[in-house]
């Protein structure tokens, strides 16, 4: 079991940046899958970015070139750097972790609102 707590969300103007943090209650080294999902109103949950144990990353096409996922094993923290934010990035962002291929544990979410 692990608890995940997101922070860093808020209100930002279009073109601005935010950095989301996901603090885990224990070591994240044992999780092969670490990722960020988002869900906008009336839309399906979407995988935004993921990072694996070896450092391999994946991004949704809509955020490629703008978002970067990183992790700091020593701090048990996963980050999502979001640049050049657009109104369509507005959503609740969820941190997730999984032992193998997909998410098993979830944070409570943090709201990101981008005003145009």
Protein backbone atom coordinates (compact mmCIF):
# COMPACT_ATOMS: atom_id res chain seq x y z
CA UNK A 1 0.00 0.00 0.00
CA UNK A 2 1.03 3.55 -0.67
CA UNK A 3 -0.57 6.93 -0.27
CA UNK A 4 -0.13 9.52 -2.99
CA UNK A 5 -0.66 13.21 -2.41
CA UNK A 6 -0.68 15.73 -5.24
CA UNK A 7 0.13 19.39 -4.89
CA UNK A 8 0.95 22.35 -7.07
CA UNK A 9 -2.34 22.82 -8.84
CA UNK A 10 -4.07 26.13 -9.11
CA UNK A 11 -5.16 28.89 -11.41
CA UNK A 12 -2.85 30.05 -14.16
CA UNK A 13 -3.21 32.13 -17.30
CA UNK A 14 -2.80 30.62 -20.74
CA UNK A 15 0.85 30.43 -21.69
CA UNK A 16 1.94 30.06 -18.11
CA UNK A 17 3.51 27.16 -16.25
CA UNK A 18 2.81 24.96 -13.28
CA UNK A 19 4.73 22.17 -11.62
CA UNK A 20 2.72 19.39 -10.03
CA UNK A 21 4.22 17.20 -7.33
CA UNK A 22 3.16 13.75 -6.18
CA UNK A 23 4.53 12.76 -2.79
CA UNK A 24 4.44 9.06 -1.96
CA UNK A 25 4.27 7.71 1.57
CA UNK A 26 7.04 5.26 0.89
CA UNK A 27 9.72 4.48 -1.67
CA UNK A 28 8.62 4.76 -5.28
CA UNK A 29 11.48 2.57 -6.45
CA UNK A 30 9.29 -0.54 -6.34
CA UNK A 31 6.73 0.90 -8.76
CA UNK A 32 7.40 0.20 -12.40
CA UNK A 33 4.60 2.53 -13.47
CA UNK A 34 4.32 6.12 -12.30
CA UNK A 35 2.00 8.44 -14.12
CA UNK A 36 -0.24 11.44 -14.30
CA UNK A 37 -3.82 11.26 -15.51
CA UNK A 38 -6.31 14.04 -15.96
CA UNK A 39 -10.04 14.30 -16.29
CA UNK A 40 -11.77 17.35 -17.67
CA UNK A 41 -15.49 17.97 -17.26
CA UNK A 42 -17.58 15.67 -19.45
CA UNK A 43 -14.50 13.87 -20.72
CA UNK A 44 -12.90 10.49 -20.14
CA UNK A 45 -9.91 10.08 -17.91
CA UNK A 46 -6.76 10.52 -19.96
CA UNK A 47 -3.21 9.37 -19.39
CA UNK A 48 -1.08 12.47 -19.69
CA UNK A 49 2.39 11.16 -18.94
CA UNK A 50 4.09 8.08 -17.55
CA UNK A 51 7.56 7.12 -16.48
CA UNK A 52 8.93 3.64 -15.88
CA UNK A 53 11.64 2.33 -13.60
CA UNK A 54 14.28 2.61 -16.29
CA UNK A 55 13.33 6.18 -17.06
CA UNK A 56 11.34 5.59 -20.23
CA UNK A 57 8.60 8.18 -20.66
CA UNK A 58 5.36 8.39 -22.61
CA UNK A 59 3.17 11.40 -23.29
CA UNK A 60 -0.22 12.05 -24.71
CA UNK A 61 0.01 13.68 -28.12
CA UNK A 62 -1.80 16.72 -26.81
CA UNK A 63 0.96 17.54 -24.32
CA UNK A 64 4.12 16.45 -26.13
CA UNK A 65 6.69 19.19 -26.16
CA UNK A 66 4.95 21.05 -23.35
CA UNK A 67 4.84 18.65 -20.38
CA UNK A 68 7.68 16.75 -18.76
CA UNK A 69 7.41 13.97 -16.20
CA UNK A 70 10.31 13.31 -13.85
CA UNK A 71 10.89 11.49 -10.61
CA UNK A 72 13.18 11.77 -7.64
CA UNK A 73 13.54 8.41 -5.94
CA UNK A 74 15.37 9.90 -2.96
CA UNK A 75 12.44 12.22 -2.27
CA UNK A 76 9.74 9.67 -3.16
CA UNK A 77 8.25 12.26 -5.46
CA UNK A 78 7.02 12.40 -9.04
CA UNK A 79 6.73 15.70 -10.87
CA UNK A 80 4.85 17.00 -13.86
CA UNK A 81 6.24 20.19 -15.31
CA UNK A 82 3.61 21.89 -17.44
CA UNK A 83 4.60 24.70 -19.76
CA UNK A 84 2.72 26.71 -22.37
CA UNK A 85 -0.55 25.85 -20.71
CA UNK A 86 -3.75 26.07 -22.69
CA UNK A 87 -7.34 26.39 -21.63
CA UNK A 88 -7.96 22.82 -22.74
CA UNK A 89 -5.46 21.63 -20.12
CA UNK A 90 -7.99 22.52 -17.46
CA UNK A 91 -8.76 19.35 -15.52
CA UNK A 92 -8.29 17.49 -12.29
CA UNK A 93 -4.87 15.87 -12.39
CA UNK A 94 -4.29 12.55 -10.63
CA UNK A 95 -1.06 10.91 -9.66
CA UNK A 96 -0.90 7.14 -10.03
CA UNK A 97 1.43 4.24 -9.37
CA UNK A 98 1.54 0.58 -10.31
CA UNK A 99 3.78 -2.37 -9.67
CA UNK A 100 3.74 -3.63 -13.24
CA UNK A 101 2.09 -2.09 -16.27
CA UNK A 102 -0.69 0.21 -15.15
CA UNK A 103 -2.10 2.26 -12.32
CA UNK A 104 -3.12 0.54 -9.10
CA UNK A 105 -2.95 3.39 -6.60
CA UNK A 106 -4.34 6.87 -6.95
CA UNK A 107 -4.04 10.25 -5.34
CA UNK A 108 -6.99 12.47 -4.56
CA UNK A 109 -6.30 14.81 -7.44
CA UNK A 110 -5.39 18.45 -7.79
CA UNK A 111 -7.30 21.02 -9.82
CA UNK A 112 -5.55 22.84 -12.64
CA UNK A 113 -7.45 25.71 -14.18
CA UNK A 114 -6.08 27.62 -17.15
CA UNK A 115 -7.77 30.87 -18.01
CA UNK A 116 -7.73 32.24 -21.53
